[in-house]
Amino acid sequence: MIPPAVLTRLREHAELRMIEVGLSPREIDIARLFLRGFTQRETASYAGVSEKTVISHSINIYRKCGIHSRSQLFTFFFPVYAEPGA
C-alpha cells in the first residue's frame, strides 16, 4: 500500500503538470477520471457529457501533453513509475 503522504505528493505533482501544460478546467476533470481508471463511457456518464465530448477532450489532453495513448498519460503525470526499476 502506498503511504497517504506519498499519494498526496503524487496528486499534487499531477495537478501541477495539468496546469503547466494548459489543460482547461474541464480537461483537468476528464484527465483525473482517466487517471482513476475510468473508461471513456464511464467518464462520459460520470461527467454528464456524451462520449463524443469525452473523445474531444481526450484529443485535446493528448495534444497538450504531447502524448498518443492512455498509458502515456499515466507516465506523463506519474513519471517516477516509468523509470526502470521503479
Protein backbone atom coordinates (compact mmCIF):
# COMPACT_ATOMS: atom_id res chain seq x y z
CA MET A 1 0.00 0.00 0.00
CA ILE A 2 1.24 3.48 -0.86
CA PRO A 3 1.51 5.74 2.19
CA PRO A 4 -1.02 8.62 2.22
CA ALA A 5 1.75 11.26 2.19
CA VAL A 6 3.18 9.77 -1.00
CA LEU A 7 -0.25 9.69 -2.65
CA THR A 8 -0.75 13.34 -1.75
CA ARG A 9 2.59 14.30 -3.32
CA LEU A 10 1.79 12.31 -6.48
CA ARG A 11 -1.59 14.02 -6.81
CA GLU A 12 -0.03 17.45 -6.27
CA HIS A 13 2.60 16.70 -8.93
CA ALA A 14 -0.09 15.61 -11.40
CA GLU A 15 -2.20 18.71 -10.70
CA LEU A 16 0.79 20.99 -11.32
CA ARG A 17 1.59 19.22 -14.59
CA MET A 18 -2.02 19.64 -15.71
CA ILE A 19 -1.81 23.38 -15.11
CA GLU A 20 1.67 23.66 -16.66
CA VAL A 21 0.54 22.15 -19.97
CA GLY A 22 -2.51 24.39 -20.09
CA LEU A 23 -5.37 21.97 -19.59
CA SER A 24 -8.73 23.68 -19.21
CA PRO A 25 -10.71 23.04 -16.01
CA ARG A 26 -12.95 20.55 -17.89
CA GLU A 27 -9.92 18.79 -19.42
CA ILE A 28 -8.47 18.50 -15.91
CA ASP A 29 -11.72 16.87 -14.74
CA ILE A 30 -11.57 14.39 -17.62
CA ALA A 31 -7.86 13.67 -17.09
CA ARG A 32 -8.48 12.99 -13.40
CA LEU A 33 -11.16 10.44 -14.28
CA PHE A 34 -8.86 8.76 -16.82
CA LEU A 35 -6.12 8.60 -14.19
CA ARG A 36 -8.60 6.96 -11.81
CA GLY A 37 -9.10 4.25 -14.43
CA PHE A 38 -12.46 5.31 -15.87
CA THR A 39 -13.21 4.22 -19.43
CA GLN A 40 -14.44 6.78 -21.96
CA ARG A 41 -18.01 5.56 -21.46
CA GLU A 42 -17.72 5.72 -17.65
CA THR A 43 -16.14 9.16 -17.88
CA ALA A 44 -18.98 10.41 -20.06
CA SER A 45 -21.61 9.06 -17.69
CA TYR A 46 -19.88 10.42 -14.57
CA ALA A 47 -19.23 13.84 -16.15
CA GLY A 48 -22.71 14.07 -17.65
CA VAL A 49 -21.49 14.51 -21.22
CA SER A 50 -21.52 12.43 -24.39
CA GLU A 51 -18.76 10.00 -25.29
CA LYS A 52 -18.06 12.20 -28.29
CA THR A 53 -17.35 15.11 -25.93
CA VAL A 54 -15.02 12.92 -23.87
CA ILE A 55 -13.19 11.91 -27.03
CA SER A 56 -12.83 15.56 -27.99
CA HIS A 57 -11.43 16.40 -24.54
CA SER A 58 -9.06 13.42 -24.66
CA ILE A 59 -7.72 14.54 -28.05
CA ASN A 60 -7.02 17.98 -26.58
CA ILE A 61 -5.42 16.50 -23.46
CA TYR A 62 -3.16 14.22 -25.51
CA ARG A 63 -2.18 17.08 -27.84
CA LYS A 64 -1.34 19.45 -24.99
CA CYS A 65 0.69 16.74 -23.23
CA GLY A 66 2.40 15.60 -26.44
CA ILE A 67 1.23 12.02 -25.99
CA HIS A 68 -0.74 9.47 -28.01
CA SER A 69 -2.18 6.90 -25.60
CA ARG A 70 -3.75 6.32 -22.21
CA SER A 71 -0.62 4.55 -20.96
CA GLN A 72 1.44 7.59 -21.92
CA LEU A 73 -1.00 9.72 -19.92
CA PHE A 74 -0.04 7.83 -16.77
CA THR A 75 3.69 8.11 -17.38
CA PHE A 76 3.32 11.81 -18.26
CA PHE A 77 1.69 12.61 -14.93
CA PHE A 78 3.49 9.99 -12.83
CA PRO A 79 6.97 9.74 -14.45
CA VAL A 80 8.56 8.09 -11.42
CA TYR A 81 6.78 4.86 -12.34
CA ALA A 82 8.13 4.97 -15.89
CA GLU A 83 11.73 4.72 -14.75
CA PRO A 84 13.41 1.30 -14.96
CA GLY A 85 13.42 -0.48 -11.62
CA ALA A 86 10.68 1.71 -10.15
